Amino acid sequence: MRVAKWGNSLAVRLPAGVVEVLELKEGDQIEIHIAGRREFAIGRDNSRQKAMERIRALRRPLPPGFYFDREAANGR
């Protein structure tokens, strides 16, 4: 891999083998961790999935007769 300039940042192009193994596609979020003095590890960013799991764990039943009106909530 080679480091390249991209605007004011630096970028690394991922080899096709890494993309295949991680099943990545354009727009996916990834995490890069420092694995050693001159090494790093790449993995999928699961923070969104973990947040949704925490939200689902807090799910409570709505009161009887509850109705949500998006237009009224947004003052339209």
C-alpha atoms as a PDB file:
ATOM      1  CA  MET A   1       0.000   0.000   0.000  1.00  0.00           C
ATOM      2  CA  ARG A   2       1.101   3.534  -0.629  1.00  0.00           C
ATOM      3  CA  VAL A   3       0.165   6.701   1.244  1.00  0.00           C
ATOM      4  CA  ALA A   4      -1.173   9.441  -1.036  1.00  0.00           C
ATOM      5  CA  LYS A   5      -2.167  13.082  -0.562  1.00  0.00           C
ATOM      6  CA  TRP A   6      -5.922  13.717  -0.709  1.00  0.00           C
ATOM      7  CA  GLY A   7      -6.724  17.389  -0.187  1.00  0.00           C
ATOM      8  CA  ASN A   8      -5.218  18.332   3.179  1.00  0.00           C
ATOM      9  CA  SER A   9      -5.268  14.691   4.342  1.00  0.00           C
ATOM     10  CA  LEU A  10      -3.387  11.499   3.632  1.00  0.00           C
ATOM     11  CA  ALA A  11      -5.124   8.425   2.219  1.00  0.00           C
ATOM     12  CA  VAL A  12      -4.363   4.717   1.957  1.00  0.00           C
ATOM     13  CA  ARG A  13      -5.843   2.605  -0.830  1.00  0.00           C
ATOM     14  CA  LEU A  14      -7.036  -0.785   0.470  1.00  0.00           C
ATOM     15  CA  PRO A  15      -6.010  -3.874  -1.482  1.00  0.00           C
ATOM     16  CA  ALA A  16      -8.830  -5.824  -3.130  1.00  0.00           C
ATOM     17  CA  GLY A  17      -8.162  -8.805  -0.829  1.00  0.00           C
ATOM     18  CA  VAL A  18      -8.852  -6.704   2.288  1.00  0.00           C
ATOM     19  CA  VAL A  19     -11.995  -5.252   0.704  1.00  0.00           C
ATOM     20  CA  GLU A  20     -13.247  -8.757  -0.146  1.00  0.00           C
ATOM     21  CA  VAL A  21     -12.564 -10.252   3.288  1.00  0.00           C
ATOM     22  CA  LEU A  22     -14.260  -7.343   5.098  1.00  0.00           C
ATOM     23  CA  GLU A  23     -17.042  -7.230   2.456  1.00  0.00           C
ATOM     24  CA  LEU A  24     -16.587  -3.462   2.111  1.00  0.00           C
ATOM     25  CA  LYS A  25     -18.291  -1.215  -0.385  1.00  0.00           C
ATOM     26  CA  GLU A  26     -18.013   2.482  -1.137  1.00  0.00           C
ATOM     27  CA  GLY A  27     -19.369   4.578   1.736  1.00  0.00           C
ATOM     28  CA  ASP A  28     -18.846   1.932   4.462  1.00  0.00           C
ATOM     29  CA  GLN A  29     -17.385   3.117   7.755  1.00  0.00           C
ATOM     30  CA  ILE A  30     -14.226   1.398   8.989  1.00  0.00           C
ATOM     31  CA  GLU A  31     -12.024   1.625  12.077  1.00  0.00           C
ATOM     32  CA  ILE A  32      -8.240   1.691  11.948  1.00  0.00           C
ATOM     33  CA  HIS A  33      -6.408   0.623  15.104  1.00  0.00           C
ATOM     34  CA  ILE A  34      -2.719   0.885  15.904  1.00  0.00           C
ATOM     35  CA  ALA A  35      -1.591  -2.758  16.165  1.00  0.00           C
ATOM     36  CA  GLY A  36       2.119  -2.170  16.732  1.00  0.00           C
ATOM     37  CA  ARG A  37       4.860   0.387  16.396  1.00  0.00           C
ATOM     38  CA  ARG A  38       4.578   0.447  12.595  1.00  0.00           C
ATOM     39  CA  GLU A  39       1.432  -1.648  12.082  1.00  0.00           C
ATOM     40  CA  PHE A  40      -2.289  -1.022  11.950  1.00  0.00           C
ATOM     41  CA  ALA A  41      -5.396  -3.181  11.752  1.00  0.00           C
ATOM     42  CA  ILE A  42      -8.566  -2.446   9.786  1.00  0.00           C
ATOM     43  CA  GLY A  43     -12.076  -3.536  10.740  1.00  0.00           C
ATOM     44  CA  ARG A  44     -15.675  -2.606  10.179  1.00  0.00           C
ATOM     45  CA  ASP A  45     -17.052   0.258  12.270  1.00  0.00           C
ATOM     46  CA  ASN A  46     -19.893  -1.331  14.256  1.00  0.00           C
ATOM     47  CA  SER A  47     -20.661   1.723  16.411  1.00  0.00           C
ATOM     48  CA  ARG A  48     -23.971   2.401  14.614  1.00  0.00           C
ATOM     49  CA  GLN A  49     -25.100  -1.214  15.065  1.00  0.00           C
ATOM     50  CA  LYS A  50     -24.092  -1.184  18.752  1.00  0.00           C
ATOM     51  CA  ALA A  51     -25.995   2.079  19.312  1.00  0.00           C
ATOM     52  CA  MET A  52     -29.123   0.616  17.708  1.00  0.00           C
ATOM     53  CA  GLU A  53     -28.852  -2.463  19.942  1.00  0.00           C
ATOM     54  CA  ARG A  54     -28.660  -0.217  23.037  1.00  0.00           C
ATOM     55  CA  ILE A  55     -31.692   1.775  21.848  1.00  0.00           C
ATOM     56  CA  ARG A  56     -33.673  -1.421  21.198  1.00  0.00           C
ATOM     57  CA  ALA A  57     -32.803  -2.692  24.682  1.00  0.00           C
ATOM     58  CA  LEU A  58     -34.436   0.459  26.125  1.00  0.00           C
ATOM     59  CA  ARG A  59     -37.623  -0.001  24.093  1.00  0.00           C
ATOM     60  CA  ARG A  60     -40.755   0.586  26.151  1.00  0.00           C
ATOM     61  CA  PRO A  61     -44.380   0.106  25.115  1.00  0.00           C
ATOM     62  CA  LEU A  62     -46.228   3.242  24.037  1.00  0.00           C
ATOM     63  CA  PRO A  63     -49.256   4.391  26.033  1.00  0.00           C
ATOM     64  CA  PRO A  64     -52.663   3.214  24.778  1.00  0.00           C
ATOM     65  CA  GLY A  65     -54.011   5.465  22.017  1.00  0.00           C
ATOM     66  CA  PHE A  66     -50.620   7.106  21.346  1.00  0.00           C
ATOM     67  CA  TYR A  67     -50.483   8.800  17.946  1.00  0.00           C
ATOM     68  CA  PHE A  68     -47.483  10.558  16.396  1.00  0.00           C
ATOM     69  CA  ASP A  69     -48.187  13.297  13.853  1.00  0.00           C
ATOM     70  CA  ARG A  70     -44.995  14.263  12.032  1.00  0.00           C
ATOM     71  CA  GLU A  71     -46.520  17.446  10.595  1.00  0.00           C
ATOM     72  CA  ALA A  72     -47.675  18.645  14.024  1.00  0.00           C
ATOM     73  CA  ALA A  73     -44.347  17.724  15.619  1.00  0.00           C
ATOM     74  CA  ASN A  74     -42.492  19.829  13.057  1.00  0.00           C
ATOM     75  CA  GLY A  75     -44.943  22.727  13.269  1.00  0.00           C
ATOM     76  CA  ARG A  76     -46.004  22.601   9.618  1.00  0.00           C
END
